[in-house]
Amino acid sequence: MEQKIKQDKICIGRNIRRIRKEKKIGQTELAALLQLEDVTMTREALVKIERGIQHIRVSQLRAIKNVLGTTYEELLEEKKDSRK
């Protein structure tokens, strides 16, 4: 069984959402792009991950990193105050 990453102190979902919005990619579009990476994820699952309700699998995180063209560091960094 594949390992899941808990979103306790790190805000993976919030980081995914921020980067996705910066790149102007919708949730449905990201879910479709993940299919091309051989990762099945529904828009509903993506919503739950972004809200921190659902844990993210390692393969999902890897595919999201590739699709969004970002780094693990950016996806896993803690944001103390995201308001600027």
PDB file of N, CA and C in Angstrom:
ATOM      1  N   MET A   1       0.834  -1.188   0.000  1.00  0.00           N
ATOM      2  CA  MET A   1       0.000   0.000   0.000  1.00  0.00           C
ATOM      3  C   MET A   1       0.878   1.250   0.000  1.00  0.00           C
ATOM      4  N   GLU A   2       0.486   2.201  -0.803  1.00  0.00           N
ATOM      5  CA  GLU A   2       1.292   3.402  -0.961  1.00  0.00           C
ATOM      6  C   GLU A   2       1.163   4.321   0.252  1.00  0.00           C
ATOM      7  N   GLN A   3       2.273   4.929   0.599  1.00  0.00           N
ATOM      8  CA  GLN A   3       2.305   5.825   1.748  1.00  0.00           C
ATOM      9  C   GLN A   3       1.525   7.109   1.469  1.00  0.00           C
ATOM     10  N   LYS A   4       0.817   7.570   2.495  1.00  0.00           N
ATOM     11  CA  LYS A   4       0.097   8.836   2.414  1.00  0.00           C
ATOM     12  C   LYS A   4       0.830   9.852   3.277  1.00  0.00           C
ATOM     13  N   ILE A   5       0.757  11.109   2.864  1.00  0.00           N
ATOM     14  CA  ILE A   5       1.424  12.178   3.606  1.00  0.00           C
ATOM     15  C   ILE A   5       0.370  12.945   4.381  1.00  0.00           C
ATOM     16  N   LYS A   6       0.540  13.013   5.702  1.00  0.00           N
ATOM     17  CA  LYS A   6      -0.404  13.760   6.528  1.00  0.00           C
ATOM     18  C   LYS A   6      -0.141  15.249   6.391  1.00  0.00           C
ATOM     19  N   GLN A   7      -1.212  16.015   6.440  1.00  0.00           N
ATOM     20  CA  GLN A   7      -1.090  17.471   6.283  1.00  0.00           C
ATOM     21  C   GLN A   7      -1.295  18.156   7.632  1.00  0.00           C
ATOM     22  N   ASP A   8      -0.463  17.813   8.602  1.00  0.00           N
ATOM     23  CA  ASP A   8      -0.626  18.421   9.918  1.00  0.00           C
ATOM     24  C   ASP A   8      -0.017  19.818   9.958  1.00  0.00           C
ATOM     25  N   LYS A   9       1.297  19.864  10.036  1.00  0.00           N
ATOM     26  CA  LYS A   9       1.971  21.152  10.160  1.00  0.00           C
ATOM     27  C   LYS A   9       2.253  21.785   8.809  1.00  0.00           C
ATOM     28  N   ILE A  10       2.382  20.951   7.792  1.00  0.00           N
ATOM     29  CA  ILE A  10       2.619  21.502   6.459  1.00  0.00           C
ATOM     30  C   ILE A  10       1.298  21.611   5.726  1.00  0.00           C
ATOM     31  N   CYS A  11       1.168  22.643   4.969  1.00  0.00           N
ATOM     32  CA  CYS A  11      -0.094  22.935   4.286  1.00  0.00           C
ATOM     33  C   CYS A  11       0.033  22.584   2.814  1.00  0.00           C
ATOM     34  N   ILE A  12       0.219  21.305   2.531  1.00  0.00           N
ATOM     35  CA  ILE A  12       0.418  20.872   1.152  1.00  0.00           C
ATOM     36  C   ILE A  12      -0.750  21.326   0.276  1.00  0.00           C
ATOM     37  N   GLY A  13      -1.960  21.084   0.756  1.00  0.00           N
ATOM     38  CA  GLY A  13      -3.142  21.442  -0.024  1.00  0.00           C
ATOM     39  C   GLY A  13      -3.209  22.918  -0.343  1.00  0.00           C
ATOM     40  N   ARG A  14      -2.921  23.741   0.660  1.00  0.00           N
ATOM     41  CA  ARG A  14      -2.943  25.190   0.456  1.00  0.00           C
ATOM     42  C   ARG A  14      -1.867  25.607  -0.548  1.00  0.00           C
ATOM     43  N   ASN A  15      -0.690  24.963  -0.458  1.00  0.00           N
ATOM     44  CA  ASN A  15       0.389  25.270  -1.397  1.00  0.00           C
ATOM     45  C   ASN A  15       0.012  24.852  -2.819  1.00  0.00           C
ATOM     46  N   ILE A  16      -0.614  23.674  -2.960  1.00  0.00           N
ATOM     47  CA  ILE A  16      -1.055  23.203  -4.277  1.00  0.00           C
ATOM     48  C   ILE A  16      -2.037  24.207  -4.863  1.00  0.00           C
ATOM     49  N   ARG A  17      -2.997  24.624  -4.056  1.00  0.00           N
ATOM     50  CA  ARG A  17      -4.020  25.563  -4.527  1.00  0.00           C
ATOM     51  C   ARG A  17      -3.393  26.891  -4.974  1.00  0.00           C
ATOM     52  N   ARG A  18      -2.475  27.410  -4.156  1.00  0.00           N
ATOM     53  CA  ARG A  18      -1.825  28.686  -4.479  1.00  0.00           C
ATOM     54  C   ARG A  18      -1.046  28.592  -5.792  1.00  0.00           C
ATOM     55  N   ILE A  19      -0.244  27.546  -5.940  1.00  0.00           N
ATOM     56  CA  ILE A  19       0.575  27.385  -7.145  1.00  0.00           C
ATOM     57  C   ILE A  19      -0.326  27.163  -8.358  1.00  0.00           C
ATOM     58  N   ARG A  20      -1.375  26.356  -8.192  1.00  0.00           N
ATOM     59  CA  ARG A  20      -2.313  26.078  -9.280  1.00  0.00           C
ATOM     60  C   ARG A  20      -2.966  27.372  -9.758  1.00  0.00           C
ATOM     61  N   LYS A  21      -3.381  28.212  -8.805  1.00  0.00           N
ATOM     62  CA  LYS A  21      -4.032  29.480  -9.165  1.00  0.00           C
ATOM     63  C   LYS A  21      -3.034  30.435  -9.817  1.00  0.00           C
ATOM     64  N   GLU A  22      -1.795  30.453  -9.317  1.00  0.00           N
ATOM     65  CA  GLU A  22      -0.762  31.310  -9.923  1.00  0.00           C
ATOM     66  C   GLU A  22      -0.549  30.947 -11.382  1.00  0.00           C
ATOM     67  N   LYS A  23      -0.671  29.656 -11.690  1.00  0.00           N
ATOM     68  CA  LYS A  23      -0.461  29.184 -13.065  1.00  0.00           C
ATOM     69  C   LYS A  23      -1.760  29.189 -13.870  1.00  0.00           C
ATOM     70  N   LYS A  24      -2.836  29.680 -13.229  1.00  0.00           N
ATOM     71  CA  LYS A  24      -4.148  29.794 -13.875  1.00  0.00           C
ATOM     72  C   LYS A  24      -4.643  28.450 -14.424  1.00  0.00           C
ATOM     73  N   ILE A  25      -4.520  27.418 -13.579  1.00  0.00           N
ATOM     74  CA  ILE A  25      -4.995  26.078 -13.925  1.00  0.00           C
ATOM     75  C   ILE A  25      -6.183  25.774 -13.021  1.00  0.00           C
ATOM     76  N   GLY A  26      -7.301  25.403 -13.615  1.00  0.00           N
ATOM     77  CA  GLY A  26      -8.493  25.050 -12.841  1.00  0.00           C
ATOM     78  C   GLY A  26      -8.362  23.666 -12.242  1.00  0.00           C
ATOM     79  N   GLN A  27      -9.218  23.369 -11.267  1.00  0.00           N
ATOM     80  CA  GLN A  27      -9.174  22.058 -10.609  1.00  0.00           C
ATOM     81  C   GLN A  27      -9.478  20.933 -11.585  1.00  0.00           C
ATOM     82  N   THR A  28     -10.471  21.131 -12.446  1.00  0.00           N
ATOM     83  CA  THR A  28     -10.827  20.096 -13.423  1.00  0.00           C
ATOM     84  C   THR A  28      -9.676  19.866 -14.393  1.00  0.00           C
ATOM     85  N   GLU A  29      -9.034  20.966 -14.802  1.00  0.00           N
ATOM     86  CA  GLU A  29      -7.903  20.862 -15.727  1.00  0.00           C
ATOM     87  C   GLU A  29      -6.735  20.127 -15.071  1.00  0.00           C
ATOM     88  N   LEU A  30      -6.448  20.444 -13.811  1.00  0.00           N
ATOM     89  CA  LEU A  30      -5.354  19.769 -13.114  1.00  0.00           C
ATOM     90  C   LEU A  30      -5.645  18.281 -12.986  1.00  0.00           C
ATOM     91  N   ALA A  31      -6.878  17.935 -12.652  1.00  0.00           N
ATOM     92  CA  ALA A  31      -7.256  16.513 -12.545  1.00  0.00           C
ATOM     93  C   ALA A  31      -7.041  15.803 -13.882  1.00  0.00           C
ATOM     94  N   ALA A  32      -7.383  16.475 -14.985  1.00  0.00           N
ATOM     95  CA  ALA A  32      -7.197  15.891 -16.320  1.00  0.00           C
ATOM     96  C   ALA A  32      -5.708  15.736 -16.642  1.00  0.00           C
ATOM     97  N   LEU A  33      -4.907  16.739 -16.288  1.00  0.00           N
ATOM     98  CA  LEU A  33      -3.463  16.673 -16.533  1.00  0.00           C
ATOM     99  C   LEU A  33      -2.818  15.552 -15.722  1.00  0.00           C
ATOM    100  N   LEU A  34      -3.345  15.301 -14.534  1.00  0.00           N
ATOM    101  CA  LEU A  34      -2.813  14.212 -13.705  1.00  0.00           C
ATOM    102  C   LEU A  34      -3.083  12.855 -14.348  1.00  0.00           C
ATOM    103  N   GLN A  35      -4.206  12.749 -15.062  1.00  0.00           N
ATOM    104  CA  GLN A  35      -4.522  11.504 -15.781  1.00  0.00           C
ATOM    105  C   GLN A  35      -3.407  11.190 -16.788  1.00  0.00           C
ATOM    106  N   LEU A  36      -2.856  12.251 -17.425  1.00  0.00           N
ATOM    107  CA  LEU A  36      -1.772  12.059 -18.395  1.00  0.00           C
ATOM    108  C   LEU A  36      -0.495  11.575 -17.720  1.00  0.00           C
ATOM    109  N   GLU A  37      -0.389  11.796 -16.413  1.00  0.00           N
ATOM    110  CA  GLU A  37       0.758  11.323 -15.625  1.00  0.00           C
ATOM    111  C   GLU A  37       0.461   9.946 -15.020  1.00  0.00           C
ATOM    112  N   ASP A  38      -0.639   9.323 -15.473  1.00  0.00           N
ATOM    113  CA  ASP A  38      -1.078   8.008 -14.966  1.00  0.00           C
ATOM    114  C   ASP A  38      -1.453   8.036 -13.496  1.00  0.00           C
ATOM    115  N   VAL A  39      -1.981   9.177 -13.050  1.00  0.00           N
ATOM    116  CA  VAL A  39      -2.465   9.300 -11.677  1.00  0.00           C
ATOM    117  C   VAL A  39      -3.943   9.636 -11.748  1.00  0.00           C
ATOM    118  N   THR A  40      -4.758   8.724 -11.228  1.00  0.00           N
ATOM    119  CA  THR A  40      -6.191   8.949 -11.239  1.00  0.00           C
ATOM    120  C   THR A  40      -6.579   9.790 -10.033  1.00  0.00           C
ATOM    121  N   MET A  41      -7.141  10.965 -10.313  1.00  0.00           N
ATOM    122  CA  MET A  41      -7.625  11.821  -9.238  1.00  0.00           C
ATOM    123  C   MET A  41      -8.839  12.580  -9.751  1.00  0.00           C
ATOM    124  N   THR A  42      -9.911  12.513  -9.000  1.00  0.00           N
ATOM    125  CA  THR A  42     -11.103  13.262  -9.378  1.00  0.00           C
ATOM    126  C   THR A  42     -10.964  14.702  -8.904  1.00  0.00           C
ATOM    127  N   ARG A  43     -11.776  15.566  -9.468  1.00  0.00           N
ATOM    128  CA  ARG A  43     -11.793  16.960  -9.028  1.00  0.00           C
ATOM    129  C   ARG A  43     -12.186  17.015  -7.552  1.00  0.00           C
ATOM    130  N   GLU A  44     -13.130  16.153  -7.163  1.00  0.00           N
ATOM    131  CA  GLU A  44     -13.594  16.119  -5.772  1.00  0.00           C
ATOM    132  C   GLU A  44     -12.458  15.754  -4.819  1.00  0.00           C
ATOM    133  N   ALA A  45     -11.629  14.790  -5.218  1.00  0.00           N
ATOM    134  CA  ALA A  45     -10.483  14.402  -4.380  1.00  0.00           C
ATOM    135  C   ALA A  45      -9.490  15.555  -4.279  1.00  0.00           C
ATOM    136  N   LEU A  46      -9.278  16.254  -5.392  1.00  0.00           N
ATOM    137  CA  LEU A  46      -8.373  17.401  -5.399  1.00  0.00           C
ATOM    138  C   LEU A  46      -8.877  18.490  -4.455  1.00  0.00           C
ATOM    139  N   VAL A  47     -10.188  18.742  -4.468  1.00  0.00           N
ATOM    140  CA  VAL A  47     -10.788  19.735  -3.568  1.00  0.00           C
ATOM    141  C   VAL A  47     -10.489  19.350  -2.116  1.00  0.00           C
ATOM    142  N   LYS A  48     -10.662  18.074  -1.778  1.00  0.00           N
ATOM    143  CA  LYS A  48     -10.422  17.607  -0.400  1.00  0.00           C
ATOM    144  C   LYS A  48      -8.951  17.744  -0.015  1.00  0.00           C
ATOM    145  N   ILE A  49      -8.060  17.444  -0.957  1.00  0.00           N
ATOM    146  CA  ILE A  49      -6.624  17.585  -0.682  1.00  0.00           C
ATOM    147  C   ILE A  49      -6.284  19.055  -0.462  1.00  0.00           C
ATOM    148  N   GLU A  50      -6.819  19.925  -1.317  1.00  0.00           N
ATOM    149  CA  GLU A  50      -6.528  21.363  -1.180  1.00  0.00           C
ATOM    150  C   GLU A  50      -7.059  21.924   0.133  1.00  0.00           C
ATOM    151  N   ARG A  51      -8.148  21.371   0.619  1.00  0.00           N
ATOM    152  CA  ARG A  51      -8.719  21.834   1.894  1.00  0.00           C
ATOM    153  C   ARG A  51      -8.051  21.184   3.100  1.00  0.00           C
ATOM    154  N   GLY A  52      -7.190  20.196   2.852  1.00  0.00           N
ATOM    155  CA  GLY A  52      -6.506  19.510   3.936  1.00  0.00           C
ATOM    156  C   GLY A  52      -7.362  18.449   4.607  1.00  0.00           C
ATOM    157  N   ILE A  53      -8.451  18.052   3.955  1.00  0.00           N
ATOM    158  CA  ILE A  53      -9.366  17.046   4.513  1.00  0.00           C
ATOM    159  C   ILE A  53      -8.865  15.641   4.197  1.00  0.00           C
ATOM    160  N   GLN A  54      -8.253  15.485   3.036  1.00  0.00           N
ATOM    161  CA  GLN A  54      -7.812  14.171   2.569  1.00  0.00           C
ATOM    162  C   GLN A  54      -6.301  14.154   2.464  1.00  0.00           C
ATOM    163  N   HIS A  55      -5.698  13.043   2.903  1.00  0.00           N
ATOM    164  CA  HIS A  55      -4.246  12.888   2.780  1.00  0.00           C
ATOM    165  C   HIS A  55      -3.893  12.704   1.310  1.00  0.00           C
ATOM    166  N   ILE A  56      -2.679  13.096   0.964  1.00  0.00           N
ATOM    167  CA  ILE A  56      -2.215  12.970  -0.412  1.00  0.00           C
ATOM    168  C   ILE A  56      -1.229  11.820  -0.507  1.00  0.00           C
ATOM    169  N   ARG A  57      -1.330  11.040  -1.571  1.00  0.00           N
ATOM    170  CA  ARG A  57      -0.408   9.930  -1.785  1.00  0.00           C
ATOM    171  C   ARG A  57       0.881  10.471  -2.402  1.00  0.00           C
ATOM    172  N   VAL A  58       1.959   9.728  -2.184  1.00  0.00           N
ATOM    173  CA  VAL A  58       3.266  10.131  -2.707  1.00  0.00           C
ATOM    174  C   VAL A  58       3.210  10.254  -4.226  1.00  0.00           C
ATOM    175  N   SER A  59       2.574   9.309  -4.907  1.00  0.00           N
ATOM    176  CA  SER A  59       2.491   9.360  -6.376  1.00  0.00           C
ATOM    177  C   SER A  59       1.686  10.568  -6.841  1.00  0.00           C
ATOM    178  N   GLN A  60       0.662  10.947  -6.079  1.00  0.00           N
ATOM    179  CA  GLN A  60      -0.135  12.124  -6.424  1.00  0.00           C
ATOM    180  C   GLN A  60       0.704  13.391  -6.275  1.00  0.00           C
ATOM    181  N   LEU A  61       1.459  13.481  -5.186  1.00  0.00           N
ATOM    182  CA  LEU A  61       2.309  14.648  -4.951  1.00  0.00           C
ATOM    183  C   LEU A  61       3.350  14.780  -6.061  1.00  0.00           C
ATOM    184  N   ARG A  62       3.962  13.651  -6.443  1.00  0.00           N
ATOM    185  CA  ARG A  62       4.972  13.655  -7.504  1.00  0.00           C
ATOM    186  C   ARG A  62       4.355  14.150  -8.817  1.00  0.00           C
ATOM    187  N   ALA A  63       3.177  13.641  -9.158  1.00  0.00           N
ATOM    188  CA  ALA A  63       2.515  14.040 -10.404  1.00  0.00           C
ATOM    189  C   ALA A  63       2.118  15.512 -10.372  1.00  0.00           C
ATOM    190  N   ILE A  64       1.611  15.980  -9.249  1.00  0.00           N
ATOM    191  CA  ILE A  64       1.223  17.394  -9.114  1.00  0.00           C
ATOM    192  C   ILE A  64       2.457  18.281  -9.268  1.00  0.00           C
ATOM    193  N   LYS A  65       3.574  17.865  -8.661  1.00  0.00           N
ATOM    194  CA  LYS A  65       4.833  18.609  -8.795  1.00  0.00           C
ATOM    195  C   LYS A  65       5.220  18.719 -10.265  1.00  0.00           C
ATOM    196  N   ASN A  66       5.135  17.617 -10.990  1.00  0.00           N
ATOM    197  CA  ASN A  66       5.499  17.604 -12.411  1.00  0.00           C
ATOM    198  C   ASN A  66       4.563  18.472 -13.240  1.00  0.00           C
ATOM    199  N   VAL A  67       3.261  18.315 -13.030  1.00  0.00           N
ATOM    200  CA  VAL A  67       2.267  19.045 -13.823  1.00  0.00           C
ATOM    201  C   VAL A  67       2.360  20.551 -13.564  1.00  0.00           C
ATOM    202  N   LEU A  68       2.550  20.933 -12.300  1.00  0.00           N
ATOM    203  CA  LEU A  68       2.614  22.356 -11.968  1.00  0.00           C
ATOM    204  C   LEU A  68       4.003  22.946 -12.212  1.00  0.00           C
ATOM    205  N   GLY A  69       4.968  22.091 -12.535  1.00  0.00           N
ATOM    206  CA  GLY A  69       6.321  22.572 -12.800  1.00  0.00           C
ATOM    207  C   GLY A  69       6.926  23.263 -11.597  1.00  0.00           C
ATOM    208  N   THR A  70       6.770  22.659 -10.437  1.00  0.00           N
ATOM    209  CA  THR A  70       7.260  23.258  -9.197  1.00  0.00           C
ATOM    210  C   THR A  70       8.223  22.292  -8.511  1.00  0.00           C
ATOM    211  N   THR A  71       8.578  22.585  -7.272  1.00  0.00           N
ATOM    212  CA  THR A  71       9.515  21.748  -6.518  1.00  0.00           C
ATOM    213  C   THR A  71       8.820  21.169  -5.291  1.00  0.00           C
ATOM    214  N   TYR A  72       9.400  20.100  -4.757  1.00  0.00           N
ATOM    215  CA  TYR A  72       8.876  19.544  -3.500  1.00  0.00           C
ATOM    216  C   TYR A  72       8.973  20.581  -2.395  1.00  0.00           C
ATOM    217  N   GLU A  73      10.060  21.361  -2.405  1.00  0.00           N
ATOM    218  CA  GLU A  73      10.258  22.369  -1.364  1.00  0.00           C
ATOM    219  C   GLU A  73       9.086  23.348  -1.340  1.00  0.00           C
ATOM    220  N   GLU A  74       8.679  23.805  -2.533  1.00  0.00           N
ATOM    221  CA  GLU A  74       7.585  24.768  -2.595  1.00  0.00           C
ATOM    222  C   GLU A  74       6.254  24.127  -2.165  1.00  0.00           C
ATOM    223  N   LEU A  75       6.059  22.873  -2.510  1.00  0.00           N
ATOM    224  CA  LEU A  75       4.814  22.185  -2.136  1.00  0.00           C
ATOM    225  C   LEU A  75       4.753  21.875  -0.646  1.00  0.00           C
ATOM    226  N   LEU A  76       5.907  21.624  -0.034  1.00  0.00           N
ATOM    227  CA  LEU A  76       5.930  21.176   1.364  1.00  0.00           C
ATOM    228  C   LEU A  76       6.249  22.278   2.365  1.00  0.00           C
ATOM    229  N   GLU A  77       6.557  23.482   1.874  1.00  0.00           N
ATOM    230  CA  GLU A  77       6.952  24.528   2.815  1.00  0.00           C
ATOM    231  C   GLU A  77       5.787  24.968   3.697  1.00  0.00           C
ATOM    232  N   GLU A  78       6.150  25.325   4.915  1.00  0.00           N
ATOM    233  CA  GLU A  78       5.159  25.841   5.855  1.00  0.00           C
ATOM    234  C   GLU A  78       4.957  27.315   5.564  1.00  0.00           C
ATOM    235  N   LYS A  79       3.723  27.724   5.540  1.00  0.00           N
ATOM    236  CA  LYS A  79       3.409  29.142   5.357  1.00  0.00           C
ATOM    237  C   LYS A  79       2.840  29.648   6.674  1.00  0.00           C
ATOM    238  N   LYS A  80       3.591  30.518   7.321  1.00  0.00           N
ATOM    239  CA  LYS A  80       3.109  31.066   8.586  1.00  0.00           C
ATOM    240  C   LYS A  80       2.045  32.127   8.332  1.00  0.00           C
ATOM    241  N   ASP A  81       2.315  33.001   7.370  1.00  0.00           N
ATOM    242  CA  ASP A  81       1.334  34.032   7.019  1.00  0.00           C
ATOM    243  C   ASP A  81       1.418  34.244   5.519  1.00  0.00           C
ATOM    244  N   SER A  82       0.431  33.760   4.795  1.00  0.00           N
ATOM    245  CA  SER A  82       0.467  33.831   3.343  1.00  0.00           C
ATOM    246  C   SER A  82      -0.019  35.186   2.825  1.00  0.00           C
ATOM    247  N   ARG A  83      -0.526  36.037   3.726  1.00  0.00           N
ATOM    248  CA  ARG A  83      -0.986  37.362   3.293  1.00  0.00           C
ATOM    249  C   ARG A  83       0.202  38.289   3.132  1.00  0.00           C
ATOM    250  N   LYS A  84       0.194  39.067   2.042  1.00  0.00           N
ATOM    251  CA  LYS A  84       1.308  40.004   1.810  1.00  0.00           C
ATOM    252  C   LYS A  84       0.788  41.397   1.721  1.00  0.00           C
TER     253      LYS A  84
END
